[in-house]
Amino acid sequence: MSQTKFTVILGEREYELKILPSRKASGWRKSLKTPLLRIVGLLAQLSKDGLSLSNLNDSDVGELAPLLATIIEDVHEALELLPDTVLAYSQVLRNDQEYIDENAIDEEFLAAFVEMVKYSYPFGMLMNQARRVGVLGKRSKQTSQS
């Protein structure tokens, strides 16, 4: 039997949420599309340039300043949208919005969002099924033999 509920913590209170049915999840996902795609696109550009946010050196920062400024702006905008995005997921949360707005911290909103995304985008399940039927191989390091 598949899971139908999950728990999030906001303002140190636990909320048990129902996993959204497919059509409702689709509507919630559509609200995420533009901000997420923009951030992913910017991070992909960094990767294409052979960089990651963890290995930038001084010369990279100067050269990539405009791109980094855009990433920071987009991440800031996404964080500002996070509380509303989390609240939009469930009427249970909207019913307690005043408390949540006054007490929940960014880390709780982010953790709740990650859980919501996990159940709205079941990528892990898709990958496991693909591996099971042999469409995808297991990740392994390739070594060359001399």
Protein backbone atom coordinates (compact mmCIF):
# COMPACT_ATOMS: atom_id res chain seq x y z
CA MET A 1 0.00 0.00 0.00
CA SER A 2 1.40 3.39 -0.94
CA GLN A 3 1.85 6.26 1.46
CA THR A 4 -0.99 8.82 1.50
CA LYS A 5 0.20 11.26 4.19
CA PHE A 6 3.37 12.92 5.39
CA THR A 7 4.31 15.24 8.25
CA VAL A 8 5.89 18.69 8.18
CA ILE A 9 6.90 20.95 11.06
CA LEU A 10 6.19 24.68 10.92
CA GLY A 11 6.55 26.94 13.93
CA GLU A 12 7.51 23.84 15.95
CA ARG A 13 4.05 22.35 15.30
CA GLU A 14 3.57 19.12 13.39
CA TYR A 15 1.09 19.05 10.53
CA GLU A 16 -0.03 15.83 8.91
CA LEU A 17 -0.72 16.51 5.24
CA LYS A 18 -2.39 14.37 2.63
CA ILE A 19 -0.37 13.77 -0.50
CA LEU A 20 -2.11 15.74 -3.22
CA PRO A 21 -4.07 13.83 -5.85
CA SER A 22 -2.49 13.98 -9.30
CA ARG A 23 -4.49 16.89 -10.73
CA LYS A 24 -4.10 19.07 -7.61
CA ALA A 25 -0.39 18.25 -7.50
CA SER A 26 -0.15 19.30 -11.13
CA GLY A 27 -1.62 22.71 -10.32
CA TRP A 28 0.77 23.16 -7.39
CA ARG A 29 3.74 22.11 -9.55
CA LYS A 30 2.80 24.64 -12.24
CA SER A 31 3.15 27.44 -9.69
CA LEU A 32 6.77 26.35 -9.14
CA LYS A 33 7.80 25.98 -12.75
CA THR A 34 9.09 29.46 -13.59
CA PRO A 35 11.14 30.19 -10.44
CA LEU A 36 12.62 26.67 -10.32
CA LEU A 37 13.49 26.58 -14.01
CA ARG A 38 15.22 29.92 -13.77
CA ILE A 39 17.41 28.86 -10.85
CA VAL A 40 18.19 25.48 -12.41
CA GLY A 41 19.09 27.20 -15.69
CA LEU A 42 21.48 29.56 -13.95
CA LEU A 43 23.14 26.72 -12.03
CA ALA A 44 23.39 24.73 -15.28
CA GLN A 45 25.21 27.70 -16.85
CA LEU A 46 27.74 27.62 -14.03
CA SER A 47 28.20 23.89 -14.53
CA LYS A 48 28.61 24.38 -18.28
CA ASP A 49 31.36 26.87 -17.49
CA GLY A 50 33.01 24.16 -15.35
CA LEU A 51 32.23 25.83 -12.05
CA SER A 52 30.18 25.20 -8.98
CA LEU A 53 29.27 27.60 -6.20
CA SER A 54 31.64 25.72 -3.90
CA ASN A 55 34.79 26.01 -6.01
CA LEU A 56 34.80 29.60 -7.26
CA ASN A 57 38.08 31.47 -7.03
CA ASP A 58 38.65 35.24 -7.12
CA SER A 59 39.04 35.47 -10.91
CA ASP A 60 35.87 33.41 -11.46
CA VAL A 61 33.86 35.67 -9.16
CA GLY A 62 34.84 38.79 -11.10
CA GLU A 63 34.07 37.20 -14.44
CA LEU A 64 30.81 35.67 -13.28
CA ALA A 65 29.59 38.57 -11.13
CA PRO A 66 26.54 39.30 -13.31
CA LEU A 67 25.50 35.63 -13.34
CA LEU A 68 26.08 35.28 -9.59
CA ALA A 69 24.07 38.45 -8.93
CA THR A 70 21.18 36.96 -10.91
CA ILE A 71 21.43 33.66 -9.01
CA ILE A 72 21.42 35.48 -5.67
CA GLU A 73 18.45 37.60 -6.74
CA ASP A 74 16.53 34.55 -7.96
CA VAL A 75 17.30 32.53 -4.82
CA HIS A 76 16.21 35.51 -2.69
CA GLU A 77 12.99 35.79 -4.69
CA ALA A 78 12.38 32.05 -4.35
CA LEU A 79 12.87 32.26 -0.57
CA GLU A 80 10.39 35.14 -0.40
CA LEU A 81 7.84 32.99 -2.26
CA LEU A 82 8.50 29.92 -0.11
CA PRO A 83 5.99 30.57 2.72
CA ASP A 84 3.13 31.20 0.27
CA THR A 85 4.14 28.19 -1.82
CA VAL A 86 4.15 25.93 1.25
CA LEU A 87 0.82 27.30 2.50
CA ALA A 88 -0.72 26.81 -0.95
CA TYR A 89 -0.09 23.07 -0.72
CA SER A 90 -2.76 22.31 1.87
CA GLN A 91 -5.90 23.75 3.44
CA VAL A 92 -4.65 22.33 6.76
CA LEU A 93 -1.77 24.82 6.63
CA ARG A 94 -3.91 27.70 5.39
CA ASN A 95 -6.28 27.13 8.33
CA ASP A 96 -3.35 27.81 10.68
CA GLN A 97 -1.71 30.49 8.55
CA GLU A 98 -1.65 33.20 11.21
CA TYR A 99 0.27 30.97 13.62
CA ILE A 100 2.60 29.71 10.89
CA ASP A 101 3.32 33.26 9.62
CA GLU A 102 4.22 34.36 13.16
CA ASN A 103 6.27 31.33 14.21
CA ALA A 104 7.74 29.30 11.34
CA ILE A 105 11.35 29.91 10.37
CA ASP A 106 12.94 29.70 6.91
CA GLU A 107 14.54 26.31 7.59
CA GLU A 108 11.14 24.84 8.49
CA PHE A 109 9.56 26.26 5.33
CA LEU A 110 12.40 24.85 3.26
CA ALA A 111 12.16 21.40 4.89
CA ALA A 112 8.37 21.37 4.37
CA PHE A 113 8.85 22.42 0.75
CA VAL A 114 11.34 19.61 0.13
CA GLU A 115 8.83 17.08 1.48
CA MET A 116 6.08 18.52 -0.71
CA VAL A 117 8.29 18.38 -3.78
CA LYS A 118 9.25 14.79 -2.95
CA TYR A 119 5.60 13.71 -3.14
CA SER A 120 4.65 16.00 -6.03
CA TYR A 121 7.60 14.96 -8.21
CA PRO A 122 8.06 11.23 -7.54
CA PHE A 123 11.46 11.05 -9.28
CA GLY A 124 12.93 8.60 -6.79
CA MET A 125 10.15 6.11 -7.44
CA LEU A 126 10.57 6.55 -11.21
CA MET A 127 14.32 5.96 -11.00
CA ASN A 128 13.86 2.86 -8.83
CA GLN A 129 11.29 1.42 -11.24
CA ALA A 130 13.54 2.14 -14.25
CA ARG A 131 16.46 0.39 -12.55
CA ARG A 132 14.25 -2.56 -11.63
CA VAL A 133 13.22 -3.17 -15.23
CA GLY A 134 16.76 -2.57 -16.50
CA VAL A 135 16.24 0.75 -18.28
CA LEU A 136 18.86 2.41 -16.10
CA GLY A 137 22.00 0.75 -14.85
CA LYS A 138 23.36 1.27 -11.38
CA ARG A 139 25.78 4.15 -11.05
CA SER A 140 29.32 2.91 -11.01
CA LYS A 141 32.76 4.38 -11.49
CA GLN A 142 34.31 3.36 -14.74
CA THR A 143 37.95 2.42 -14.60
CA SER A 144 40.25 2.00 -17.51
CA GLN A 145 42.45 -1.02 -17.81
CA SER A 146 45.97 -0.80 -19.21
